[in-house]
N, C-alpha and C. Protein backbone atom coordinates (compact mmCIF):
# COMPACT_ATOMS: atom_id res chain seq x y z
N MET A 1 0.77 -1.33 0.05
CA MET A 1 0.08 0.03 0.04
C MET A 1 0.83 1.36 0.18
N GLU A 2 1.97 1.22 0.84
CA GLU A 2 2.84 2.42 0.91
C GLU A 2 3.56 2.79 -0.43
N ILE A 3 3.86 1.66 -1.15
CA ILE A 3 4.47 1.61 -2.61
C ILE A 3 3.45 2.30 -3.37
N TRP A 4 2.17 2.00 -3.32
CA TRP A 4 1.30 2.43 -4.38
C TRP A 4 1.24 3.85 -3.84
N TRP A 5 0.99 4.13 -2.79
CA TRP A 5 0.86 5.79 -2.41
C TRP A 5 2.07 6.61 -3.03
N LEU A 6 3.16 6.12 -2.81
CA LEU A 6 4.35 6.75 -3.02
C LEU A 6 4.39 7.10 -4.59
N ALA A 7 4.00 6.11 -5.50
CA ALA A 7 4.21 5.95 -6.83
C ALA A 7 2.90 7.08 -7.38
N LEU A 8 1.92 7.49 -6.69
CA LEU A 8 1.13 8.33 -7.19
C LEU A 8 1.71 9.80 -7.22
N PRO A 9 1.36 10.61 -8.33
CA PRO A 9 1.46 11.94 -8.61
C PRO A 9 0.71 12.79 -7.46
N ASN A 10 1.28 13.81 -7.00
CA ASN A 10 0.76 14.75 -6.00
C ASN A 10 -0.74 15.03 -6.18
N SER A 11 -1.22 15.25 -7.41
CA SER A 11 -2.43 15.51 -8.00
C SER A 11 -3.56 14.41 -7.49
N GLU A 12 -3.15 13.30 -7.38
CA GLU A 12 -3.87 12.10 -7.21
C GLU A 12 -3.66 11.61 -5.70
N LYS A 13 -2.91 12.04 -5.18
CA LYS A 13 -2.58 11.71 -3.90
C LYS A 13 -3.70 12.93 -2.98
N ILE A 14 -3.79 14.04 -3.67
CA ILE A 14 -4.87 15.22 -3.13
C ILE A 14 -6.40 14.50 -3.38
N LEU A 15 -6.51 14.14 -4.49
CA LEU A 15 -7.83 13.43 -4.87
C LEU A 15 -8.19 12.40 -3.80
N TRP A 16 -7.21 11.48 -3.84
CA TRP A 16 -7.43 10.25 -3.07
C TRP A 16 -7.81 10.51 -1.79
N SER A 17 -7.16 11.77 -1.05
CA SER A 17 -7.29 12.05 0.24
C SER A 17 -8.60 12.61 0.33
N LEU A 18 -8.89 13.79 -0.54
CA LEU A 18 -10.27 14.35 -0.66
C LEU A 18 -11.32 13.41 -0.72
N ALA A 19 -11.19 12.26 -1.70
CA ALA A 19 -12.18 11.30 -2.01
C ALA A 19 -12.49 10.47 -0.50
N ILE A 20 -11.44 10.09 0.23
CA ILE A 20 -11.63 9.23 1.45
C ILE A 20 -12.15 9.91 2.34
N PHE A 21 -11.60 11.20 2.52
CA PHE A 21 -12.31 12.15 3.55
C PHE A 21 -13.59 12.58 3.45
N SER A 22 -14.05 12.99 2.08
CA SER A 22 -15.48 13.30 1.91
C SER A 22 -16.32 12.20 2.14
N LEU A 23 -15.79 11.10 1.71
CA LEU A 23 -16.87 9.80 1.90
C LEU A 23 -17.04 9.30 3.23
N THR A 24 -15.97 9.57 4.15
CA THR A 24 -15.93 9.28 5.40
C THR A 24 -17.24 10.42 6.10
N LEU A 25 -16.99 11.58 5.54
CA LEU A 25 -18.08 12.59 6.15
C LEU A 25 -19.50 12.38 5.76
N LEU A 26 -19.50 12.07 4.51
CA LEU A 26 -20.99 11.65 3.70
C LEU A 26 -21.40 10.57 4.59
N ILE A 27 -20.91 9.38 4.71
CA ILE A 27 -21.44 8.41 5.65
C ILE A 27 -21.88 8.90 7.08
N LEU A 28 -21.09 9.51 7.61
CA LEU A 28 -21.13 10.24 8.91
C LEU A 28 -22.34 11.22 9.09
N LYS A 29 -22.61 11.93 8.14
CA LYS A 29 -23.52 13.03 7.92
C LYS A 29 -24.95 12.11 7.75
N THR A 30 -24.80 11.30 6.74
CA THR A 30 -26.22 10.42 6.37
C THR A 30 -26.39 9.89 7.64
N THR A 31 -25.77 9.21 8.55
CA THR A 31 -26.05 8.44 9.67
C THR A 31 -26.92 9.61 10.81
N LEU A 32 -26.12 10.69 10.89
CA LEU A 32 -26.46 11.57 11.82
C LEU A 32 -28.03 11.91 11.40
N THR A 33 -28.22 12.27 10.10
CA THR A 33 -29.51 12.89 9.62
C THR A 33 -30.53 11.42 9.86
N PHE A 34 -30.17 10.22 9.63
CA PHE A 34 -31.32 9.35 10.09
C PHE A 34 -31.51 9.10 11.48
N LYS A 35 -30.44 9.43 12.20
CA LYS A 35 -30.64 9.24 13.86
C LYS A 35 -31.04 10.52 14.43
N GLY A 36 -31.42 11.63 13.77
CA GLY A 36 -31.87 12.91 14.27
C GLY A 36 -31.06 13.76 14.68
N GLY A 37 -29.71 13.65 14.55
CA GLY A 37 -28.60 14.36 15.00
C GLY A 37 -28.19 15.58 13.96
N ASP A 38 -28.95 15.75 12.66
CA ASP A 38 -28.54 16.61 11.66
C ASP A 38 -28.83 18.05 12.00
N ASN A 39 -28.34 18.94 12.20
CA ASN A 39 -28.59 20.33 12.56
C ASN A 39 -27.73 21.39 11.75
N GLU A 40 -28.58 21.94 10.45
CA GLU A 40 -27.76 22.76 9.88
C GLU A 40 -28.72 24.07 9.88
N ASN A 41 -28.51 24.87 10.94
CA ASN A 41 -29.22 26.02 10.99
C ASN A 41 -28.55 27.31 10.87
N ILE A 42 -27.61 27.25 9.82
CA ILE A 42 -26.82 28.41 9.50
C ILE A 42 -27.52 29.03 8.40
N ASP A 43 -27.83 30.28 8.51
CA ASP A 43 -28.39 31.09 7.56
C ASP A 43 -27.31 32.13 6.90
N ILE A 44 -27.22 32.02 5.72
CA ILE A 44 -26.11 33.15 5.25
C ILE A 44 -27.15 33.97 4.20
N GLU A 45 -27.19 35.27 4.38
CA GLU A 45 -28.33 36.11 3.54
C GLU A 45 -27.53 36.74 2.46
N ASP A 46 -27.97 37.03 1.31
CA ASP A 46 -27.43 37.74 0.39
C ASP A 46 -27.74 39.31 0.66
N SER A 47 -27.15 40.27 -0.42
CA SER A 47 -27.34 41.63 -0.16
C SER A 47 -28.96 42.24 -0.28
N GLU A 48 -29.89 41.25 -0.70
CA GLU A 48 -31.27 41.65 -0.80
C GLU A 48 -32.02 40.77 0.30
N GLY A 49 -31.37 40.17 1.34
CA GLY A 49 -31.91 39.66 2.58
C GLY A 49 -32.48 38.09 2.13
N HIS A 50 -32.24 37.72 1.03
CA HIS A 50 -32.60 36.27 0.61
C HIS A 50 -31.85 35.11 1.38
N THR A 51 -32.27 34.36 2.00
CA THR A 51 -31.42 33.22 2.33
C THR A 51 -31.01 32.41 1.61
N VAL A 52 -29.75 31.97 1.42
CA VAL A 52 -28.97 31.18 0.41
C VAL A 52 -28.49 29.83 1.12
N SER A 53 -28.71 29.72 2.20
CA SER A 53 -28.12 28.55 3.05
C SER A 53 -28.87 27.17 2.63
N GLN A 54 -29.97 27.43 1.93
CA GLN A 54 -30.54 26.18 1.13
C GLN A 54 -29.95 25.57 0.27
N TYR A 55 -28.92 26.32 -0.25
CA TYR A 55 -27.86 25.70 -1.22
C TYR A 55 -26.69 25.43 -0.81
N PHE A 56 -26.24 26.28 -0.14
CA PHE A 56 -24.78 26.27 0.43
C PHE A 56 -24.80 25.71 1.88
N THR A 57 -24.95 24.46 1.92
CA THR A 57 -25.02 23.61 3.28
C THR A 57 -23.51 22.71 3.30
N ILE A 58 -23.45 22.22 4.51
CA ILE A 58 -22.43 21.44 4.73
C ILE A 58 -22.74 20.07 4.00
N ARG A 59 -24.15 19.69 4.09
CA ARG A 59 -24.54 18.24 3.21
C ARG A 59 -24.06 18.53 1.80
N ASN A 60 -24.48 19.53 1.16
CA ASN A 60 -24.15 19.96 -0.24
C ASN A 60 -22.76 20.05 -0.54
N MET A 61 -21.99 20.57 0.10
CA MET A 61 -20.62 20.65 0.08
C MET A 61 -19.87 19.19 0.18
N ILE A 62 -20.49 18.44 1.07
CA ILE A 62 -20.01 17.31 1.36
C ILE A 62 -20.20 16.11 -0.01
N SER A 63 -21.60 16.46 -0.27
CA SER A 63 -21.79 15.87 -1.66
C SER A 63 -21.36 16.34 -2.76
N PHE A 64 -20.89 17.32 -3.08
CA PHE A 64 -20.06 17.95 -4.25
C PHE A 64 -18.75 17.31 -3.96
N LEU A 65 -17.97 17.35 -3.07
CA LEU A 65 -16.64 17.05 -2.75
C LEU A 65 -16.39 15.32 -3.00
N THR A 66 -17.42 14.71 -2.60
CA THR A 66 -17.51 13.39 -2.87
C THR A 66 -17.51 12.97 -4.09
N GLY A 67 -18.64 13.71 -5.14
CA GLY A 67 -18.80 13.27 -6.36
C GLY A 67 -17.59 13.93 -7.28
N PHE A 68 -16.99 14.80 -6.90
CA PHE A 68 -15.88 15.42 -7.79
C PHE A 68 -14.86 14.80 -7.60
N SER A 69 -14.40 14.30 -6.43
CA SER A 69 -13.24 13.56 -6.22
C SER A 69 -13.29 12.19 -6.77
N TRP A 70 -14.31 11.53 -6.40
CA TRP A 70 -14.44 10.15 -7.00
C TRP A 70 -15.00 10.17 -8.53
N GLY A 71 -15.49 10.99 -8.97
CA GLY A 71 -15.66 11.17 -10.44
C GLY A 71 -14.23 11.65 -11.32
N THR A 72 -13.34 12.21 -10.80
CA THR A 72 -12.18 12.83 -11.13
C THR A 72 -11.14 11.60 -11.13
N LEU A 73 -11.23 10.79 -10.20
CA LEU A 73 -10.45 9.67 -10.08
C LEU A 73 -10.78 8.54 -10.89
N SER A 74 -11.82 8.35 -11.02
CA SER A 74 -12.43 7.23 -12.33
C SER A 74 -12.34 7.65 -13.49
N ALA A 75 -12.46 8.85 -13.80
CA ALA A 75 -11.92 9.28 -15.19
C ALA A 75 -10.66 9.16 -15.67
N LEU A 76 -9.65 9.60 -14.41
CA LEU A 76 -8.25 9.41 -14.69
C LEU A 76 -7.93 7.92 -14.69
N GLN A 77 -8.55 6.99 -14.14
CA GLN A 77 -8.22 5.67 -14.20
C GLN A 77 -8.66 5.21 -15.58
N GLN A 78 -9.66 5.66 -16.25
CA GLN A 78 -10.02 5.38 -17.65
C GLN A 78 -9.25 5.89 -18.60
N GLY A 79 -8.24 6.53 -18.04
CA GLY A 79 -7.29 7.22 -19.26
C GLY A 79 -7.39 8.63 -19.72
N LEU A 80 -8.18 9.31 -19.18
CA LEU A 80 -8.67 10.50 -19.52
C LEU A 80 -7.65 11.77 -19.10
N SER A 81 -7.36 12.90 -19.69
CA SER A 81 -6.38 13.87 -19.29
C SER A 81 -6.74 14.19 -17.98
N MET A 82 -5.92 15.11 -17.34
CA MET A 82 -6.25 15.80 -15.79
C MET A 82 -7.30 16.64 -16.22
N PHE A 83 -7.36 17.42 -17.28
CA PHE A 83 -8.35 18.78 -17.47
C PHE A 83 -9.74 17.81 -17.61
N LEU A 84 -9.77 16.73 -18.54
CA LEU A 84 -11.01 16.34 -18.96
C LEU A 84 -11.59 15.59 -17.51
N SER A 85 -10.58 14.93 -16.94
CA SER A 85 -11.02 14.22 -15.49
C SER A 85 -11.53 15.23 -14.64
N LEU A 86 -11.15 16.36 -14.51
CA LEU A 86 -11.55 17.43 -13.63
C LEU A 86 -13.11 17.96 -14.19
N CYS A 87 -13.21 17.97 -15.33
CA CYS A 87 -14.55 18.33 -15.74
C CYS A 87 -15.48 17.23 -15.59
N VAL A 88 -15.19 16.22 -15.77
CA VAL A 88 -16.10 15.03 -15.28
C VAL A 88 -16.31 15.11 -14.04
N GLY A 89 -15.37 15.12 -13.16
CA GLY A 89 -15.55 15.31 -11.57
C GLY A 89 -16.47 16.61 -11.43
N LEU A 90 -16.18 17.28 -12.04
CA LEU A 90 -17.28 18.74 -11.66
C LEU A 90 -18.53 18.47 -11.87
N CYS A 91 -18.75 17.95 -13.12
CA CYS A 91 -20.16 17.44 -13.49
C CYS A 91 -20.88 16.28 -12.60
N LEU A 92 -20.18 15.46 -12.10
CA LEU A 92 -20.50 14.42 -11.23
C LEU A 92 -20.67 15.07 -9.98
N GLY A 93 -19.94 15.88 -9.28
CA GLY A 93 -20.12 16.60 -8.22
C GLY A 93 -21.41 17.49 -8.20
N ILE A 94 -21.64 18.03 -9.40
CA ILE A 94 -22.90 19.14 -9.27
C ILE A 94 -24.05 18.20 -9.40
N GLY A 95 -24.09 17.09 -10.34
CA GLY A 95 -25.20 16.29 -10.30
C GLY A 95 -25.52 15.49 -9.05
N LEU A 96 -24.44 15.17 -8.32
CA LEU A 96 -24.70 14.59 -6.70
C LEU A 96 -25.31 15.71 -6.03
N VAL A 97 -25.08 16.92 -5.97
CA VAL A 97 -25.84 18.09 -5.26
C VAL A 97 -27.18 18.17 -5.78
N TYR A 98 -27.20 18.06 -6.99
CA TYR A 98 -28.75 18.30 -7.60
C TYR A 98 -29.52 17.09 -6.94
N LEU A 99 -29.13 15.83 -7.19
CA LEU A 99 -29.86 14.72 -6.70
C LEU A 99 -30.26 14.65 -5.04
N THR A 100 -28.99 15.37 -4.22
CA THR A 100 -29.39 15.37 -3.09
C THR A 100 -30.53 16.45 -2.76
N LEU A 101 -30.39 17.74 -3.46
CA LEU A 101 -31.45 18.69 -3.27
C LEU A 101 -32.84 18.05 -3.55
N LYS A 102 -33.01 17.37 -4.81
CA LYS A 102 -34.13 16.67 -5.19
C LYS A 102 -34.81 15.81 -4.19
N LEU A 103 -33.85 14.87 -3.58
CA LEU A 103 -34.32 13.96 -2.54
C LEU A 103 -34.66 14.79 -1.40
N LEU A 104 -34.07 15.60 -0.67
CA LEU A 104 -34.48 16.54 0.28
C LEU A 104 -35.74 16.97 0.14
N ALA A 105 -35.90 17.79 -1.13
CA ALA A 105 -37.21 18.37 -1.58
C ALA A 105 -38.43 17.43 -1.41
N GLU A 106 -38.12 16.25 -2.02
CA GLU A 106 -39.09 15.07 -2.02
C GLU A 106 -39.53 14.46 -0.47
N LEU A 107 -38.52 14.51 0.31
CA LEU A 107 -38.79 14.01 1.73
C LEU A 107 -39.52 15.07 2.45
N THR A 108 -39.04 16.35 1.95
CA THR A 108 -39.64 17.41 2.87
C THR A 108 -41.23 17.52 2.56
N ARG A 109 -41.68 17.11 1.44
CA ARG A 109 -42.75 17.28 0.85
C ARG A 109 -43.67 15.88 1.76
N LEU A 110 -43.11 15.11 2.34
CA LEU A 110 -43.88 13.84 2.80
C LEU A 110 -43.84 14.29 4.36
N GLN A 111 -43.40 15.26 4.91
CA GLN A 111 -43.19 15.89 6.28
C GLN A 111 -44.70 15.99 6.66
N ASN A 112 -45.04 15.58 8.06
CA ASN A 112 -46.43 15.84 8.34
C ASN A 112 -46.23 16.38 9.68
N SER A 113 -46.96 17.51 10.10
CA SER A 113 -46.58 17.85 11.52
C SER A 113 -47.26 17.28 12.56
N GLY A 114 -48.42 16.20 12.17
CA GLY A 114 -49.03 15.38 13.41
C GLY A 114 -50.07 16.26 13.77
N THR A 115 -50.64 17.31 13.62
CA THR A 115 -51.62 18.12 14.18
C THR A 115 -52.87 18.07 13.37
N LEU A 116 -53.75 17.35 14.03
CA LEU A 116 -55.41 17.10 13.36
C LEU A 116 -55.82 18.63 13.30
N LEU A 117 -56.13 18.92 11.89
CA LEU A 117 -56.71 20.01 11.51
C LEU A 117 -58.35 19.73 11.56
N VAL A 118 -59.24 20.08 12.81
CA VAL A 118 -60.61 19.66 12.77
C VAL A 118 -61.11 20.51 11.58
N GLU A 119 -61.07 21.60 11.36
CA GLU A 119 -61.78 21.96 10.12
C GLU A 119 -61.82 21.23 8.98
N ASN A 120 -61.05 20.43 8.87
CA ASN A 120 -60.85 19.46 7.87
C ASN A 120 -62.03 18.30 8.01
N LEU A 121 -62.61 18.12 9.06
CA LEU A 121 -63.49 17.01 9.37
C LEU A 121 -64.89 17.52 9.10
N ILE A 122 -65.14 18.72 8.66
CA ILE A 122 -66.64 19.20 8.40
C ILE A 122 -67.16 18.30 7.44
N GLY A 123 -68.36 17.91 7.34
CA GLY A 123 -68.89 16.93 6.20
C GLY A 123 -68.60 15.55 6.25
N GLU A 124 -67.43 15.07 7.19
CA GLU A 124 -67.14 13.67 7.47
C GLU A 124 -68.09 13.01 8.32
N ASN A 125 -68.09 11.76 8.17
CA ASN A 125 -68.98 10.84 9.03
C ASN A 125 -67.94 10.48 10.34
N GLY A 126 -68.83 9.89 11.38
CA GLY A 126 -68.20 9.36 12.37
C GLY A 126 -69.12 8.40 13.17
N GLU A 127 -68.69 8.03 14.21
CA GLU A 127 -69.38 7.05 15.13
C GLU A 127 -69.39 7.34 16.62
N VAL A 128 -70.52 7.46 17.32
CA VAL A 128 -70.37 7.99 18.81
C VAL A 128 -69.87 6.82 19.53
N THR A 129 -68.83 7.22 20.29
CA THR A 129 -68.33 6.54 21.31
C THR A 129 -68.56 6.66 22.52
N LEU A 130 -68.95 7.92 23.16
CA LEU A 130 -69.53 7.94 24.33
C LEU A 130 -70.72 9.07 24.11
N ASN A 131 -71.89 8.53 24.76
CA ASN A 131 -73.22 9.19 24.46
C ASN A 131 -72.90 10.80 24.41
N ILE A 132 -73.77 11.36 23.60
CA ILE A 132 -73.70 12.85 23.37
C ILE A 132 -75.30 13.31 23.81
N PRO A 133 -75.14 13.84 25.15
CA PRO A 133 -76.55 14.55 25.58
C PRO A 133 -77.21 15.48 24.63
N LYS A 134 -78.43 15.79 24.71
CA LYS A 134 -79.29 16.42 23.85
C LYS A 134 -79.08 18.00 23.94
N ASN A 135 -79.57 18.69 23.01
CA ASN A 135 -79.59 19.98 22.93
C ASN A 135 -78.11 20.95 23.68
N GLU A 136 -77.07 20.55 23.38
CA GLU A 136 -75.87 21.05 23.78
C GLU A 136 -75.75 20.95 25.10
N SER A 137 -76.54 19.97 26.01
CA SER A 137 -76.35 19.94 27.44
C SER A 137 -75.21 19.41 27.97
N GLY A 138 -74.19 18.72 27.20
CA GLY A 138 -73.23 18.05 27.72
C GLY A 138 -72.34 17.51 26.36
N ILE A 139 -71.17 16.96 27.00
CA ILE A 139 -70.21 16.60 25.95
C ILE A 139 -70.16 14.93 25.75
N GLY A 140 -69.96 14.56 24.44
CA GLY A 140 -69.79 13.16 24.26
C GLY A 140 -68.65 12.93 23.43
N LYS A 141 -68.32 11.83 22.69
CA LYS A 141 -67.19 11.91 21.78
C LYS A 141 -67.56 10.78 20.56
N VAL A 142 -66.76 11.27 19.58
CA VAL A 142 -67.26 10.66 18.28
C VAL A 142 -65.55 10.17 17.85
N LEU A 143 -66.03 8.91 17.22
CA LEU A 143 -64.49 8.29 16.51
C LEU A 143 -64.80 8.67 14.91
N VAL A 144 -63.59 9.69 14.42
CA VAL A 144 -63.64 10.02 13.17
C VAL A 144 -62.49 9.72 12.59
N ILE A 145 -62.40 9.50 11.25
CA ILE A 145 -61.02 9.24 10.32
C ILE A 145 -60.84 10.67 9.79
N GLY A 146 -59.68 11.28 9.90
CA GLY A 146 -59.24 12.40 9.29
C GLY A 146 -57.90 12.38 9.07
N GLN A 147 -57.49 12.87 7.91
CA GLN A 147 -56.08 13.11 7.64
C GLN A 147 -55.34 11.63 7.80
N GLY A 148 -55.91 10.80 7.16
CA GLY A 148 -55.50 9.50 7.41
C GLY A 148 -55.20 8.76 8.54
N ARG A 149 -55.87 9.25 9.84
CA ARG A 149 -55.87 8.58 10.96
C ARG A 149 -57.14 8.65 11.72
N VAL A 150 -57.37 7.65 12.68
CA VAL A 150 -58.49 7.57 13.49
C VAL A 150 -58.27 8.46 14.71
N GLU A 151 -59.25 9.27 15.11
CA GLU A 151 -59.13 10.13 16.22
C GLU A 151 -60.56 10.00 17.10
N GLU A 152 -60.74 10.14 18.25
CA GLU A 152 -61.64 10.23 19.16
C GLU A 152 -61.78 11.71 19.73
N ILE A 153 -62.80 12.51 19.07
CA ILE A 153 -62.81 13.91 19.80
C ILE A 153 -64.14 14.14 20.18
N GLU A 154 -64.03 15.27 21.25
CA GLU A 154 -65.08 15.56 21.96
C GLU A 154 -66.27 16.28 21.09
N ALA A 155 -67.58 15.89 21.13
CA ALA A 155 -68.54 16.26 20.21
C ALA A 155 -69.87 16.70 21.02
N ILE A 156 -70.58 17.72 20.45
CA ILE A 156 -71.84 18.03 20.98
C ILE A 156 -72.94 17.82 19.88
N THR A 157 -74.25 17.94 20.17
CA THR A 157 -75.44 17.92 19.38
C THR A 157 -76.49 18.95 19.61
N CYS A 158 -77.12 19.45 18.61
CA CYS A 158 -78.28 20.43 18.94
C CYS A 158 -79.58 19.50 19.04
N GLY A 159 -79.68 18.42 18.74
CA GLY A 159 -80.76 17.61 18.50
C GLY A 159 -81.01 16.72 19.59
N GLU A 160 -81.74 15.67 19.45
CA GLU A 160 -81.76 14.56 20.69
C GLU A 160 -80.40 13.90 20.91
N GLU A 161 -80.52 12.99 22.08
CA GLU A 161 -79.43 12.51 22.60
C GLU A 161 -78.91 11.36 21.40
N LEU A 162 -77.60 11.31 21.16
CA LEU A 162 -77.03 10.29 20.41
C LEU A 162 -76.44 9.42 21.42
N HIS A 163 -76.56 7.99 20.86
CA HIS A 163 -76.20 6.92 21.66
C HIS A 163 -75.06 6.40 21.02
N ARG A 164 -74.46 5.49 21.87
CA ARG A 164 -73.10 4.74 21.28
C ARG A 164 -73.37 3.92 20.10
N LYS A 165 -72.41 3.85 19.17
CA LYS A 165 -72.61 3.24 17.78
C LYS A 165 -73.40 3.78 16.88
N GLN A 166 -74.02 4.98 17.20
CA GLN A 166 -74.88 5.63 16.06
C GLN A 166 -73.96 6.41 15.07
N LYS A 167 -74.19 6.34 13.89
CA LYS A 167 -73.45 6.93 12.78
C LYS A 167 -73.98 8.57 12.78
N VAL A 168 -72.84 9.48 12.65
CA VAL A 168 -73.17 10.77 12.82
C VAL A 168 -72.59 11.64 11.87
N ARG A 169 -72.86 12.81 11.37
CA ARG A 169 -72.01 13.61 10.54
C ARG A 169 -71.53 14.97 11.28
N ILE A 170 -70.49 15.53 10.86
CA ILE A 170 -70.01 16.78 11.44
C ILE A 170 -70.51 17.94 10.41
N ILE A 171 -71.09 18.59 11.28
CA ILE A 171 -71.75 19.88 10.77
C ILE A 171 -70.78 21.24 10.97
N SER A 172 -70.39 21.35 12.25
CA SER A 172 -69.41 22.32 12.18
C SER A 172 -68.25 22.21 13.42
N ILE A 173 -67.49 23.22 13.56
CA ILE A 173 -66.76 23.30 14.80
C ILE A 173 -67.03 24.42 15.66
N THR A 174 -67.27 24.16 17.31
CA THR A 174 -67.22 24.93 18.00
C THR A 174 -66.09 25.70 18.33
N ASN A 175 -66.24 26.95 18.93
CA ASN A 175 -65.19 27.92 19.30
C ASN A 175 -64.18 27.21 19.98
N ASN A 176 -64.50 26.09 20.82
CA ASN A 176 -63.31 25.33 21.54
C ASN A 176 -63.15 23.86 20.94
N ASN A 177 -63.05 23.76 19.76
CA ASN A 177 -62.72 22.88 18.89
C ASN A 177 -63.29 21.50 19.34
N ARG A 178 -64.63 21.66 19.40
CA ARG A 178 -65.51 20.52 19.75
C ARG A 178 -66.34 20.35 18.36
N LEU A 179 -66.56 19.11 18.10
CA LEU A 179 -67.51 18.89 16.75
C LEU A 179 -69.04 19.04 17.15
N LEU A 180 -69.79 19.78 16.31
CA LEU A 180 -70.84 19.79 16.25
C LEU A 180 -71.60 18.78 15.35
N VAL A 181 -72.34 17.70 15.77
CA VAL A 181 -72.36 16.46 14.85
C VAL A 181 -74.22 16.43 14.96
N GLU A 182 -74.58 15.69 13.87
CA GLU A 182 -76.16 15.40 13.90
C GLU A 182 -76.04 13.92 13.23
N GLN A 183 -77.19 13.16 13.69
CA GLN A 183 -77.49 11.88 13.35
C GLN A 183 -77.52 11.64 11.74
N VAL A 184 -76.89 10.71 11.38
CA VAL A 184 -76.95 10.21 9.97
C VAL A 184 -78.33 9.44 9.76
N VAL A 185 -79.08 9.84 8.79
CA VAL A 185 -80.20 9.01 8.68
C VAL A 185 -80.26 7.82 7.70
């Protein structure tokens, strides 16, 4: 191994060092991301106050350096000149950053705050799980499916008492986020 290293030109030694270092950082950064330890809250603003940290992040720098160094080394191994190899490495580095940004954009689209917006339940049907007293004289509970999950939410009714297992429709939301329901006929 030492003989191989000593036989390399200085430019390839730099590329190999960069490749191993950036790949190690990429693996570490990816591991931290999936374990929840990823924190890039550094904001850099341009002259007009726009945040550019979305593009100039540690993750993107590591992705670029990994693609650049490994792409350049691969091109050199294929017999291309140093200039063409650097061009290949540059393209591969930019491509890897682009793929990283696209992947993160798609993952961000999948995020869910976990908060149920009761306004979205108006018009939905549910089932009484705890009797709802008549004429808004007390509070019961209704089981509804909203935003892809099942929730049990406090409810009132303006009509007659609604009993357990009865089907109801949500007609509005009260000021204190209780469901106003009516029996489904």
